[in-house]
């Protein structure tokens, strides 16, 4: 026979809690939480009687407009967010700046770190110019003391850095293992929902891009934030995935400096090459925004094994585009070493950038630069046919903002902004005629032969 569980509920709104609290986490009323006996039926409550009936769910600004936009307008109380990123990318710095901003706005916060001591966090705060009295620190090594400290302090935000360093001593597993990570996360989710405390969990990713194993925590949290970028570059990108309180796919851009992270307009950093062989302009969608990004390629003939190396591009996609160019575009790339990269350290995984990569490779192979002030949009099929990219309106707007005048794309993209014209292309050979590899150039070479 299972053990009977005693629950308490609020007499005003019906919110259930596992232990007595003075203030109801559901409606905020004081002294309304009462004991309920085991087996008592749950009392249904109408939605309009829940908390914040008049103005909807309140949101707190983080002090950084880009992060507020990614979160859907600000941080909602009792939210559990996962901040995932590679080690050393800047998660600890971002959390420290968030805690400092919210504390300065009058919202008490608690920073729990299991990876750094209090003195180490204080040194980081001093380097960032953050007054030490803005940050309340607690050890984040053991789950029990951390939960007790959070219940005693009742902060608006509890930032845990990181979830892999936290352990439940009663569980017995090794800290950082999937069982420990899931157990500690479940306890913190319960804390957030019963006490009304927002929780942000920093999590390291594996080589496959997952947090402590295949999708261990994404189902348990409300918001999944991904923080990435090129570690050797100052450019960082915060993107929103799952979000129960806002739209998915929003992106914020930052530059890492000696004094911390600063939000930037990426158009100020992502300059496009002009008049250079091996350089073409792509219009990728990064989240919900489109940008003009320079794609670079280098083609080096070789007599030995040919290497294929890509930075900022998907390796598999890079090899596929090169193979299609060699076969369908009749561009001799099989016996050449190929290198591809993007400007500014930005990573591109948009299939609609295939045509821009093909243009960069063709330009590098021929030594002919692409047409002046042009961009390329289209997904490349295995037969060389070009398929249109989604969201052309945003891409065309990005082309106009970058000062471009011509866009090579599949079919008619629709209404064009002033000063911008579209060149419809259906096949990669047709799109690369300017490089000497198009259909007319090939026919001329065949007649000469």
Protein backbone atom coordinates (compact mmCIF):
# COMPACT_ATOMS: atom_id res chain seq x y z
CA UNK A 1 0.00 0.00 0.00
CA UNK A 2 1.40 3.43 -1.00
CA UNK A 3 2.16 6.05 1.59
CA UNK A 4 -0.57 8.64 2.00
CA UNK A 5 0.53 12.12 1.01
CA UNK A 6 -0.63 15.18 2.87
CA UNK A 7 -1.32 18.24 0.74
CA UNK A 8 -2.09 21.82 1.57
CA UNK A 9 -4.17 24.13 -0.55
CA UNK A 10 -5.13 27.76 -0.71
CA UNK A 11 -8.68 28.47 0.37
CA UNK A 12 -8.82 31.45 -1.98
CA UNK A 13 -7.62 30.00 -5.30
CA UNK A 14 -7.13 26.25 -4.71
CA UNK A 15 -3.38 26.21 -5.39
CA UNK A 16 -1.82 22.99 -4.01
CA UNK A 17 1.54 22.88 -2.24
CA UNK A 18 3.48 20.08 -0.59
CA UNK A 19 4.27 22.02 2.59
CA UNK A 20 2.94 25.01 4.45
CA UNK A 21 3.86 28.48 3.22
CA UNK A 22 2.72 31.80 4.61
CA UNK A 23 1.95 33.30 1.20
CA UNK A 24 0.10 31.42 -1.52
CA UNK A 25 2.28 31.10 -4.65
CA UNK A 26 -0.87 31.05 -6.78
CA UNK A 27 -2.77 34.19 -5.80
CA UNK A 28 -0.32 35.87 -3.43
CA UNK A 29 -2.74 35.90 -0.49
CA UNK A 30 -1.34 35.56 3.03
CA UNK A 31 -2.55 33.00 5.58
CA UNK A 32 -4.86 31.14 3.20
CA UNK A 33 -2.88 27.88 2.89
CA UNK A 34 -4.59 25.14 4.89
CA UNK A 35 -4.04 21.44 5.52
CA UNK A 36 -5.83 18.93 3.32
CA UNK A 37 -6.23 15.31 4.23
CA UNK A 38 -5.06 12.46 1.97
CA UNK A 39 -7.48 11.43 -0.70
CA UNK A 40 -9.32 14.72 -0.78
CA UNK A 41 -10.55 15.55 -4.26
CA UNK A 42 -8.92 18.39 -6.16
CA UNK A 43 -11.06 21.50 -6.29
CA UNK A 44 -11.36 22.82 -9.86
CA UNK A 45 -10.68 26.55 -10.18
CA UNK A 46 -11.80 28.78 -13.03
CA UNK A 47 -8.97 30.40 -14.97
CA UNK A 48 -10.25 33.93 -14.43
CA UNK A 49 -9.91 33.51 -10.65
CA UNK A 50 -6.17 32.86 -10.84
CA UNK A 51 -3.53 35.41 -10.01
CA UNK A 52 -2.89 38.51 -12.08
CA UNK A 53 -6.45 38.41 -13.36
CA UNK A 54 -6.55 41.97 -14.62
CA UNK A 55 -3.21 42.62 -16.28
CA UNK A 56 -2.06 39.17 -17.33
CA UNK A 57 1.26 37.62 -16.41
CA UNK A 58 3.73 40.29 -15.26
CA UNK A 59 7.18 40.37 -16.82
CA UNK A 60 10.39 41.79 -15.43
CA UNK A 61 12.85 43.49 -17.75
CA UNK A 62 16.37 42.07 -17.62
CA UNK A 63 17.87 45.42 -18.52
CA UNK A 64 19.06 44.05 -21.89
CA UNK A 65 16.49 44.66 -24.69
CA UNK A 66 17.71 41.74 -26.80
CA UNK A 67 17.26 39.23 -24.00
CA UNK A 68 13.81 40.63 -23.22
CA UNK A 69 12.87 40.14 -26.87
CA UNK A 70 14.13 36.54 -26.90
CA UNK A 71 12.16 35.79 -23.72
CA UNK A 72 8.99 37.22 -25.24
CA UNK A 73 8.97 40.59 -23.48
CA UNK A 74 10.79 39.91 -20.22
CA UNK A 75 11.22 37.28 -17.52
CA UNK A 76 7.98 35.78 -16.20
CA UNK A 77 7.90 34.87 -12.47
CA UNK A 78 8.20 31.13 -11.72
CA UNK A 79 9.79 30.52 -15.14
CA UNK A 80 12.41 27.78 -15.42
CA UNK A 81 14.84 28.59 -18.25
CA UNK A 82 17.75 26.55 -19.52
CA UNK A 83 20.78 28.50 -20.79
CA UNK A 84 22.79 26.04 -22.88
CA UNK A 85 26.18 26.62 -24.42
CA UNK A 86 29.70 25.33 -24.81
CA UNK A 87 32.15 25.74 -21.93
CA UNK A 88 33.86 29.12 -22.06
CA UNK A 89 31.29 30.76 -24.35
CA UNK A 90 30.21 33.29 -21.70
CA UNK A 91 27.27 31.76 -19.82
CA UNK A 92 28.64 32.74 -16.40
CA UNK A 93 29.22 36.31 -17.55
CA UNK A 94 25.72 36.55 -18.96
CA UNK A 95 24.14 35.21 -15.75
CA UNK A 96 26.18 37.62 -13.60
CA UNK A 97 25.09 40.61 -15.70
CA UNK A 98 21.43 39.49 -15.57
CA UNK A 99 21.54 39.10 -11.79
CA UNK A 100 23.19 42.51 -11.40
CA UNK A 101 20.63 44.24 -13.65
CA UNK A 102 17.61 42.72 -11.93
CA UNK A 103 19.03 43.42 -8.47
CA UNK A 104 19.69 47.04 -9.42
CA UNK A 105 16.04 47.28 -10.51
CA UNK A 106 14.89 46.25 -7.03
CA UNK A 107 14.28 42.56 -7.71
CA UNK A 108 16.32 40.40 -5.31
CA UNK A 109 18.35 37.66 -6.97
CA UNK A 110 20.48 34.75 -5.81
CA UNK A 111 23.46 33.51 -7.81
CA UNK A 112 24.46 29.93 -7.01
CA UNK A 113 27.73 28.69 -8.47
CA UNK A 114 29.21 25.24 -8.11
CA UNK A 115 32.06 25.95 -10.51
CA UNK A 116 33.48 29.12 -8.95
CA UNK A 117 34.04 30.22 -5.37
CA UNK A 118 32.64 33.43 -3.90
CA UNK A 119 36.03 35.14 -4.31
CA UNK A 120 36.26 34.10 -7.96
CA UNK A 121 32.78 35.45 -8.69
CA UNK A 122 33.69 38.66 -6.87
CA UNK A 123 36.77 39.06 -9.08
CA UNK A 124 34.64 38.58 -12.19
CA UNK A 125 32.12 41.16 -10.94
CA UNK A 126 34.92 43.63 -10.28
CA UNK A 127 36.28 43.11 -13.79
CA UNK A 128 32.82 43.75 -15.24
CA UNK A 129 32.35 46.86 -13.12
CA UNK A 130 29.49 45.36 -11.08
CA UNK A 131 29.25 46.49 -7.42
CA UNK A 132 29.55 43.52 -5.08
CA UNK A 133 26.50 44.53 -3.06
CA UNK A 134 24.27 43.89 -6.09
CA UNK A 135 24.92 40.15 -6.12
CA UNK A 136 23.85 37.67 -3.42
CA UNK A 137 25.98 34.51 -3.68
CA UNK A 138 25.35 30.95 -2.51
CA UNK A 139 27.24 27.74 -3.05
CA UNK A 140 25.73 25.65 -5.82
CA UNK A 141 27.36 22.32 -5.08
CA UNK A 142 24.65 20.61 -3.02
CA UNK A 143 20.94 20.66 -3.78
CA UNK A 144 19.55 20.55 -0.23
CA UNK A 145 21.32 23.64 1.20
CA UNK A 146 20.61 25.55 -2.02
CA UNK A 147 16.88 24.78 -1.81
CA UNK A 148 16.84 25.86 1.84
CA UNK A 149 18.63 29.11 1.02
CA UNK A 150 16.21 29.88 -1.81
CA UNK A 151 13.16 29.24 0.41
CA UNK A 152 14.62 31.45 3.13
CA UNK A 153 15.62 34.33 0.84
CA UNK A 154 12.64 34.09 -1.57
CA UNK A 155 14.49 35.84 -4.45
CA UNK A 156 12.82 36.83 -7.67
CA UNK A 157 15.50 34.94 -9.64
CA UNK A 158 17.69 31.99 -8.76
CA UNK A 159 20.58 31.58 -11.24
CA UNK A 160 22.35 28.20 -11.04
CA UNK A 161 25.79 27.91 -12.65
CA UNK A 162 25.77 25.13 -13.62
CA UNK A 163 23.23 22.33 -13.37
CA UNK A 164 26.01 19.77 -14.04
CA UNK A 165 27.88 20.86 -10.91
CA UNK A 166 24.83 20.52 -8.63
CA UNK A 167 24.27 17.23 -6.82
CA UNK A 168 21.71 15.64 -4.55
CA UNK A 169 23.67 13.83 -1.83
CA UNK A 170 20.69 11.57 -1.10
CA UNK A 171 20.62 10.25 -4.67
CA UNK A 172 24.04 8.66 -4.61
CA UNK A 173 24.89 9.10 -8.31
CA UNK A 174 27.93 10.87 -9.68
CA UNK A 175 27.45 14.67 -10.06
CA UNK A 176 26.89 15.68 -13.66
CA UNK A 177 25.40 12.35 -14.69
CA UNK A 178 22.02 12.22 -16.43
CA UNK A 179 20.23 10.89 -13.33
CA UNK A 180 21.63 13.62 -11.09
CA UNK A 181 20.92 16.35 -13.65
CA UNK A 182 17.32 15.21 -14.13
CA UNK A 183 16.72 14.86 -10.39
CA UNK A 184 18.15 18.27 -9.50
CA UNK A 185 16.26 19.92 -12.35
CA UNK A 186 12.98 18.34 -11.23
CA UNK A 187 13.53 19.64 -7.68
CA UNK A 188 14.27 23.16 -8.93
CA UNK A 189 11.19 23.10 -11.19
CA UNK A 190 9.10 22.19 -8.15
CA UNK A 191 10.72 25.04 -6.21
CA UNK A 192 9.94 27.51 -8.97
CA UNK A 193 6.30 26.50 -9.29
CA UNK A 194 5.50 26.32 -5.55
CA UNK A 195 7.50 29.35 -4.40
CA UNK A 196 7.04 31.58 -7.46
CA UNK A 197 10.81 31.91 -8.01
CA UNK A 198 12.19 32.26 -11.53
CA UNK A 199 15.09 29.87 -12.13
CA UNK A 200 17.76 30.00 -14.83
CA UNK A 201 19.93 26.90 -15.20
CA UNK A 202 23.24 27.11 -17.04
CA UNK A 203 23.99 23.85 -18.81
CA UNK A 204 27.04 22.70 -20.75
CA UNK A 205 26.47 20.99 -24.05
CA UNK A 206 28.04 17.79 -25.37
CA UNK A 207 29.87 17.35 -28.68
CA UNK A 208 26.49 16.64 -30.28
CA UNK A 209 25.03 19.90 -28.98
CA UNK A 210 22.81 18.28 -26.33
CA UNK A 211 22.74 19.12 -22.63
CA UNK A 212 24.15 16.26 -20.51
CA UNK A 213 22.95 13.69 -23.05
CA UNK A 214 20.18 13.50 -25.64
CA UNK A 215 17.56 16.11 -24.77
CA UNK A 216 17.74 15.52 -21.03
CA UNK A 217 16.28 18.80 -19.77
CA UNK A 218 14.38 20.43 -22.62
CA UNK A 219 11.05 18.80 -21.71
CA UNK A 220 11.27 19.83 -18.05
CA UNK A 221 11.85 23.57 -18.47
CA UNK A 222 9.69 26.40 -19.78
CA UNK A 223 12.30 28.16 -21.93
CA UNK A 224 15.39 26.87 -23.75
CA UNK A 225 18.03 29.48 -24.61
CA UNK A 226 21.09 28.63 -26.70
CA UNK A 227 24.20 30.77 -26.31
CA UNK A 228 26.84 30.16 -28.95
CA UNK A 229 29.41 31.76 -31.19
CA UNK A 230 33.00 31.34 -32.25
CA UNK A 231 35.08 31.19 -29.02
CA UNK A 232 37.99 32.99 -30.67
CA UNK A 233 35.68 35.70 -31.95
CA UNK A 234 33.87 38.28 -29.86
CA UNK A 235 30.54 37.65 -31.59
CA UNK A 236 27.91 35.80 -29.54
CA UNK A 237 24.33 34.84 -30.38
CA UNK A 238 21.51 34.11 -27.93
CA UNK A 239 18.66 32.25 -29.61
CA UNK A 240 15.35 31.14 -28.16
CA UNK A 241 14.08 27.65 -28.83
CA UNK A 242 11.22 26.32 -26.75
CA UNK A 243 9.31 29.16 -25.08
CA UNK A 244 6.01 28.73 -23.25
CA UNK A 245 5.64 32.47 -22.73
CA UNK A 246 6.62 33.93 -26.10
CA UNK A 247 7.48 33.34 -29.72
CA UNK A 248 10.24 30.92 -30.64
CA UNK A 249 13.15 31.74 -32.91
CA UNK A 250 14.08 35.20 -31.64
CA UNK A 251 17.80 36.05 -31.67
CA UNK A 252 19.94 38.58 -29.81
CA UNK A 253 23.51 39.44 -30.77
CA UNK A 254 26.33 40.36 -28.39
CA UNK A 255 30.00 41.20 -28.48
CA UNK A 256 32.23 39.86 -25.73
CA UNK A 257 34.70 42.42 -24.43
CA UNK A 258 36.99 42.80 -21.46
CA UNK A 259 34.15 44.43 -19.53
CA UNK A 260 31.48 41.84 -20.38
CA UNK A 261 28.79 41.33 -22.98
CA UNK A 262 27.35 44.23 -24.96
CA UNK A 263 24.35 43.97 -27.27
CA UNK A 264 25.13 44.97 -30.84
CA UNK A 265 23.48 45.37 -34.21
CA UNK A 266 25.04 42.50 -36.22
CA UNK A 267 24.92 44.57 -39.40
CA UNK A 268 27.73 46.68 -37.95
CA UNK A 269 30.05 43.64 -37.83
CA UNK A 270 29.03 41.40 -40.72
CA UNK A 271 30.58 43.27 -43.63
CA UNK A 272 30.13 41.80 -47.08
CA UNK A 273 33.03 41.47 -49.51
CA UNK A 274 32.85 43.38 -52.77
CA UNK A 275 34.78 42.71 -55.95
CA UNK A 276 36.85 39.85 -54.54
CA UNK A 277 37.05 36.40 -56.18
CA UNK A 278 35.90 33.69 -53.80
CA UNK A 279 33.47 35.90 -51.89
CA UNK A 280 29.69 35.99 -52.25
CA UNK A 281 26.87 37.47 -50.18
CA UNK A 282 24.23 35.24 -48.58
CA UNK A 283 20.99 36.33 -46.92
CA UNK A 284 20.48 33.74 -44.15
CA UNK A 285 17.67 33.80 -41.63
CA UNK A 286 19.20 33.63 -38.17
CA UNK A 287 16.20 33.11 -35.95
CA UNK A 288 13.47 35.49 -37.08
CA UNK A 289 15.89 37.98 -38.59
CA UNK A 290 17.69 37.95 -41.92
CA UNK A 291 21.18 39.35 -42.40
CA UNK A 292 23.60 39.94 -45.24
CA UNK A 293 26.60 37.68 -44.52
CA UNK A 294 29.75 37.17 -46.53
CA UNK A 295 30.50 33.58 -47.56
CA UNK A 296 34.10 32.90 -48.57
CA UNK A 297 35.65 30.01 -50.48
CA UNK A 298 39.14 28.95 -51.50
CA UNK A 299 39.87 26.39 -54.24
CA UNK A 300 43.43 24.99 -54.38
CA UNK A 301 44.35 22.33 -57.00
CA UNK A 302 46.16 19.31 -55.59
CA UNK A 303 47.60 16.03 -56.77
CA UNK A 304 47.09 14.30 -53.43
CA UNK A 305 43.99 13.58 -51.34
CA UNK A 306 41.66 16.58 -51.52
CA UNK A 307 40.61 18.15 -48.23
CA UNK A 308 37.20 19.71 -47.52
CA UNK A 309 37.16 22.10 -44.57
CA UNK A 310 34.38 24.51 -43.55
CA UNK A 311 34.24 27.08 -40.74
CA UNK A 312 30.85 28.50 -39.82
CA UNK A 313 29.14 26.23 -42.36
CA UNK A 314 27.72 22.73 -42.09
CA UNK A 315 30.44 20.35 -43.23
CA UNK A 316 27.98 17.95 -44.88
CA UNK A 317 26.22 20.77 -46.69
CA UNK A 318 29.54 22.19 -47.86
CA UNK A 319 30.55 18.86 -49.38
CA UNK A 320 27.14 18.41 -51.01
CA UNK A 321 27.27 21.82 -52.73
CA UNK A 322 30.79 21.09 -53.98
CA UNK A 323 29.68 17.74 -55.41
CA UNK A 324 26.67 19.28 -57.18
CA UNK A 325 28.88 21.98 -58.70
CA UNK A 326 31.34 19.39 -59.97
CA UNK A 327 28.65 17.21 -61.53
CA UNK A 328 25.74 19.47 -62.52
CA UNK A 329 27.64 22.75 -62.88
CA UNK A 330 30.64 21.20 -64.70
CA UNK A 331 33.06 23.02 -62.37
CA UNK A 332 36.22 20.89 -61.84
CA UNK A 333 36.42 20.61 -58.05
CA UNK A 334 37.09 16.89 -57.57
CA UNK A 335 40.89 17.30 -57.63
CA UNK A 336 41.05 20.45 -55.54
CA UNK A 337 41.23 21.27 -51.86
CA UNK A 338 38.18 23.29 -50.83
CA UNK A 339 37.88 25.66 -47.88
CA UNK A 340 34.77 27.61 -46.86
CA UNK A 341 34.10 30.18 -44.14
CA UNK A 342 31.70 32.90 -43.04
CA UNK A 343 32.55 36.41 -41.93
CA UNK A 344 32.35 37.57 -38.33
CA UNK A 345 32.38 34.07 -36.85
CA UNK A 346 28.63 33.63 -37.50
CA UNK A 347 27.37 30.08 -38.06
CA UNK A 348 24.99 29.39 -40.94
CA UNK A 349 22.73 26.34 -41.20
CA UNK A 350 20.15 27.82 -43.59
CA UNK A 351 19.74 25.68 -46.76
CA UNK A 352 18.81 28.83 -48.69
CA UNK A 353 22.50 29.82 -48.50
CA UNK A 354 23.50 26.96 -50.82
CA UNK A 355 23.46 29.21 -53.87
CA UNK A 356 25.71 31.81 -52.20
CA UNK A 357 28.19 29.08 -51.27
CA UNK A 358 28.07 27.77 -54.84
CA UNK A 359 28.75 31.29 -56.13
CA UNK A 360 31.73 31.66 -53.80
CA UNK A 361 33.19 28.32 -54.92
CA UNK A 362 32.64 29.12 -58.59
CA UNK A 363 34.20 32.55 -58.14
CA UNK A 364 37.24 31.07 -56.40
CA UNK A 365 37.64 28.43 -59.11
CA UNK A 366 37.37 30.90 -61.99
CA UNK A 367 39.01 33.95 -60.42
CA UNK A 368 36.00 36.04 -61.47
CA UNK A 369 34.24 38.03 -58.71
CA UNK A 370 30.44 37.85 -58.50
CA UNK A 371 28.42 40.73 -59.94
CA UNK A 372 28.80 43.93 -57.97
CA UNK A 373 26.44 44.49 -54.99
CA UNK A 374 24.67 41.17 -55.47
CA UNK A 375 23.35 38.44 -53.17
CA UNK A 376 22.36 34.81 -53.76
CA UNK A 377 19.36 32.99 -52.24
CA UNK A 378 18.31 29.43 -52.99
CA UNK A 379 18.55 25.82 -51.88
CA UNK A 380 20.53 23.56 -54.18
CA UNK A 381 19.07 20.20 -55.18
CA UNK A 382 21.13 17.17 -56.10
CA UNK A 383 20.36 17.72 -59.79
CA UNK A 384 21.52 21.32 -59.67
CA UNK A 385 18.03 22.77 -59.64
CA UNK A 386 17.54 25.75 -57.35
CA UNK A 387 14.63 25.80 -54.91
CA UNK A 388 13.30 29.02 -53.36
CA UNK A 389 14.11 30.01 -49.79
CA UNK A 390 11.45 30.76 -47.19
CA UNK A 391 10.85 34.23 -45.80
CA UNK A 392 11.96 36.17 -48.87
CA UNK A 393 10.44 39.40 -47.56
CA UNK A 394 12.87 39.55 -44.66
CA UNK A 395 15.80 38.54 -46.85
CA UNK A 396 15.06 41.28 -49.38
CA UNK A 397 14.82 43.81 -46.58
CA UNK A 398 18.23 42.69 -45.32
CA UNK A 399 19.66 43.06 -48.83
CA UNK A 400 18.33 46.61 -49.06
CA UNK A 401 19.75 47.49 -45.63
CA UNK A 402 23.17 46.20 -46.74
CA UNK A 403 23.13 48.42 -49.85
CA UNK A 404 22.77 45.58 -52.35
CA UNK A 405 21.05 46.07 -55.70
CA UNK A 406 20.67 42.55 -57.17
CA UNK A 407 19.42 39.25 -55.75
CA UNK A 408 19.83 35.95 -57.65
CA UNK A 409 16.99 33.69 -56.53
CA UNK A 410 14.65 30.92 -57.68
CA UNK A 411 11.60 32.31 -59.46
CA UNK A 412 9.93 35.62 -58.78
CA UNK A 413 10.25 36.55 -55.08
CA UNK A 414 7.25 38.88 -55.07
CA UNK A 415 7.17 42.65 -54.50
CA UNK A 416 10.67 44.11 -54.59
CA UNK A 417 11.89 47.01 -52.45
CA UNK A 418 12.89 50.18 -54.26
CA UNK A 419 16.37 49.99 -55.72
CA UNK A 420 16.53 46.19 -55.64
CA UNK A 421 16.00 43.86 -58.59
CA UNK A 422 15.64 40.09 -58.76
CA UNK A 423 17.36 37.80 -61.27
CA UNK A 424 15.28 34.58 -61.47
CA UNK A 425 17.38 31.44 -61.96
CA UNK A 426 16.28 27.82 -62.13
CA UNK A 427 19.55 25.87 -62.37
CA UNK A 428 22.97 26.36 -60.81
CA UNK A 429 24.61 26.51 -64.26
CA UNK A 430 22.29 29.36 -65.20
CA UNK A 431 23.04 31.20 -61.98
CA UNK A 432 26.83 30.98 -62.53
CA UNK A 433 27.08 32.19 -66.12
CA UNK A 434 28.91 35.29 -64.93
CA UNK A 435 31.75 33.02 -63.72
CA UNK A 436 32.19 31.35 -67.13
CA UNK A 437 30.58 28.07 -66.09
CA UNK A 438 27.02 28.72 -67.29
CA UNK A 439 25.14 27.06 -70.14
CA UNK A 440 26.23 29.56 -72.81
CA UNK A 441 29.86 29.41 -71.77
CA UNK A 442 29.78 25.61 -71.76
CA UNK A 443 28.21 25.51 -75.24
CA UNK A 444 30.92 27.84 -76.52
CA UNK A 445 33.65 25.61 -75.10
CA UNK A 446 32.01 22.54 -76.68
CA UNK A 447 31.94 24.24 -80.12
CA UNK A 448 35.62 25.17 -79.85
CA UNK A 449 36.51 21.62 -78.87
